[in-house]
Amino acid sequence: DFWATWCPPCRREIPGFISLQKKYEKDGLMVVGVSLDQGGTDAVKRFIQKNGMNYPVVMGNDRVSADYGNIQAIPTTFVIDRSGKIVSKHVGYEEPSVFEQEIKPLLASK
């Protein structure tokens, strides 16, 4: 999930990712946040702690954004299967149920 602390739809999506991570972690789900904040890691770390984010967050940059097709808008979320194949791409806010419908079959196939 490409996101930033200053992005309202990104912040709105995060509780859903927290819930999905908690619910499906035992089945192998790994939510990864890629912060595109430019103000440094301190603000991101504070945001993670304040919001109880239970999944890893890495700092992105222009190169990472380019590697994923030149991210133009956030949030942009990719659903990736166990083999590393991109299954879907979502630009903009999505309800947690949308992601849940996509990940359940992927988690079932081991």
Protein backbone atom coordinates (compact mmCIF):
# COMPACT_ATOMS: atom_id res chain seq x y z
CA ASP A 1 0.00 0.00 0.00
CA PHE A 2 1.58 3.28 -1.15
CA TRP A 3 0.44 6.01 1.23
CA ALA A 4 1.44 9.14 3.17
CA THR A 5 0.64 10.54 6.60
CA TRP A 6 -0.85 13.73 5.11
CA CYS A 7 -3.26 11.85 2.78
CA PRO A 8 -6.86 11.67 4.14
CA PRO A 9 -7.98 8.65 2.06
CA CYS A 10 -4.77 6.85 3.03
CA ARG A 11 -5.44 7.46 6.71
CA ARG A 12 -9.02 6.27 6.23
CA GLU A 13 -7.78 2.99 4.70
CA ILE A 14 -5.25 2.11 7.41
CA PRO A 15 -7.69 0.76 10.06
CA GLY A 16 -8.94 -1.74 7.48
CA PHE A 17 -5.40 -2.92 6.78
CA ILE A 18 -4.78 -3.26 10.52
CA SER A 19 -7.90 -5.43 10.83
CA LEU A 20 -7.03 -7.56 7.80
CA GLN A 21 -3.48 -8.09 9.06
CA LYS A 22 -4.80 -9.16 12.45
CA LYS A 23 -7.44 -11.48 10.98
CA TYR A 24 -5.34 -13.17 8.28
CA GLU A 25 -1.76 -12.99 9.55
CA LYS A 26 -1.91 -16.64 10.65
CA ASP A 27 -2.89 -17.56 7.07
CA GLY A 28 0.14 -15.78 5.62
CA LEU A 29 -1.14 -12.29 4.87
CA MET A 30 1.53 -9.63 4.94
CA VAL A 31 0.37 -6.06 4.54
CA VAL A 32 3.29 -3.75 3.71
CA GLY A 33 2.97 0.02 3.77
CA VAL A 34 5.22 2.10 1.52
CA SER A 35 5.29 5.64 2.86
CA LEU A 36 5.82 8.34 0.28
CA ASP A 37 6.23 11.03 2.94
CA GLN A 38 9.09 13.37 2.13
CA GLY A 39 9.51 14.81 5.63
CA GLY A 40 11.64 11.96 6.94
CA THR A 41 11.09 8.93 9.08
CA ASP A 42 10.29 10.62 12.40
CA ALA A 43 6.81 11.77 11.38
CA VAL A 44 6.08 8.35 9.88
CA LYS A 45 7.26 6.53 13.01
CA ARG A 46 5.05 8.74 15.20
CA PHE A 47 2.08 8.11 12.91
CA ILE A 48 2.64 4.34 13.00
CA GLN A 49 2.78 4.30 16.80
CA LYS A 50 -0.18 6.65 17.24
CA ASN A 51 -2.36 4.59 14.91
CA GLY A 52 -1.27 1.14 16.09
CA MET A 53 -0.15 -0.06 12.68
CA ASN A 54 0.62 -3.77 13.05
CA TYR A 55 2.36 -4.30 9.74
CA PRO A 56 5.73 -3.25 8.36
CA VAL A 57 6.14 0.16 6.79
CA VAL A 58 9.07 1.10 4.58
CA MET A 59 10.04 4.46 3.20
CA GLY A 60 9.48 4.75 -0.53
CA ASN A 61 11.12 7.07 -3.01
CA ASP A 62 10.93 7.96 -6.70
CA ARG A 63 12.70 4.75 -7.71
CA VAL A 64 10.30 2.50 -5.79
CA SER A 65 7.39 4.45 -7.21
CA ALA A 66 8.79 4.02 -10.72
CA ASP A 67 9.31 0.28 -10.17
CA TYR A 68 5.57 -0.01 -9.51
CA GLY A 69 4.51 1.86 -12.63
CA ASN A 70 5.13 5.48 -11.57
CA ILE A 71 2.63 5.85 -8.77
CA GLN A 72 0.63 8.98 -9.62
CA ALA A 73 -1.96 8.98 -6.84
CA ILE A 74 -2.20 7.67 -3.30
CA PRO A 75 -3.36 5.50 -1.85
CA THR A 76 -2.35 2.96 -4.45
CA THR A 77 -2.54 -0.62 -3.27
CA PHE A 78 -1.33 -3.77 -4.96
CA VAL A 79 -2.54 -7.25 -4.09
CA ILE A 80 0.35 -9.63 -4.67
CA ASP A 81 0.11 -13.42 -4.52
CA ARG A 82 2.48 -15.83 -2.77
CA SER A 83 4.65 -16.15 -5.90
CA GLY A 84 5.12 -12.36 -6.15
CA LYS A 85 2.70 -11.83 -9.04
CA ILE A 86 0.62 -8.63 -8.94
CA VAL A 87 -3.01 -9.78 -8.91
CA SER A 88 -4.68 -6.37 -8.77
CA LYS A 89 -4.04 -2.65 -8.40
CA HIS A 90 -6.34 -0.22 -6.61
CA VAL A 91 -5.95 3.54 -6.96
CA GLY A 92 -7.82 5.52 -4.33
CA TYR A 93 -9.67 4.47 -1.21
CA GLU A 94 -11.19 0.99 -1.09
CA GLU A 95 -13.35 -0.62 1.56
CA PRO A 96 -11.63 -3.42 3.52
CA SER A 97 -14.22 -5.87 2.18
CA VAL A 98 -12.88 -5.36 -1.37
CA PHE A 99 -9.40 -6.41 -0.30
CA GLU A 100 -10.76 -9.25 1.82
CA GLN A 101 -12.62 -10.72 -1.16
CA GLU A 102 -9.42 -10.64 -3.19
CA ILE A 103 -7.05 -12.03 -0.59
CA LYS A 104 -9.15 -14.89 0.80
CA PRO A 105 -8.75 -17.14 -2.27
CA LEU A 106 -5.06 -16.27 -2.49
CA LEU A 107 -4.50 -17.25 1.14
CA ALA A 108 -6.39 -20.50 0.64
CA SER A 109 -3.98 -21.61 -2.11
CA LYS A 110 -0.78 -22.70 -0.40
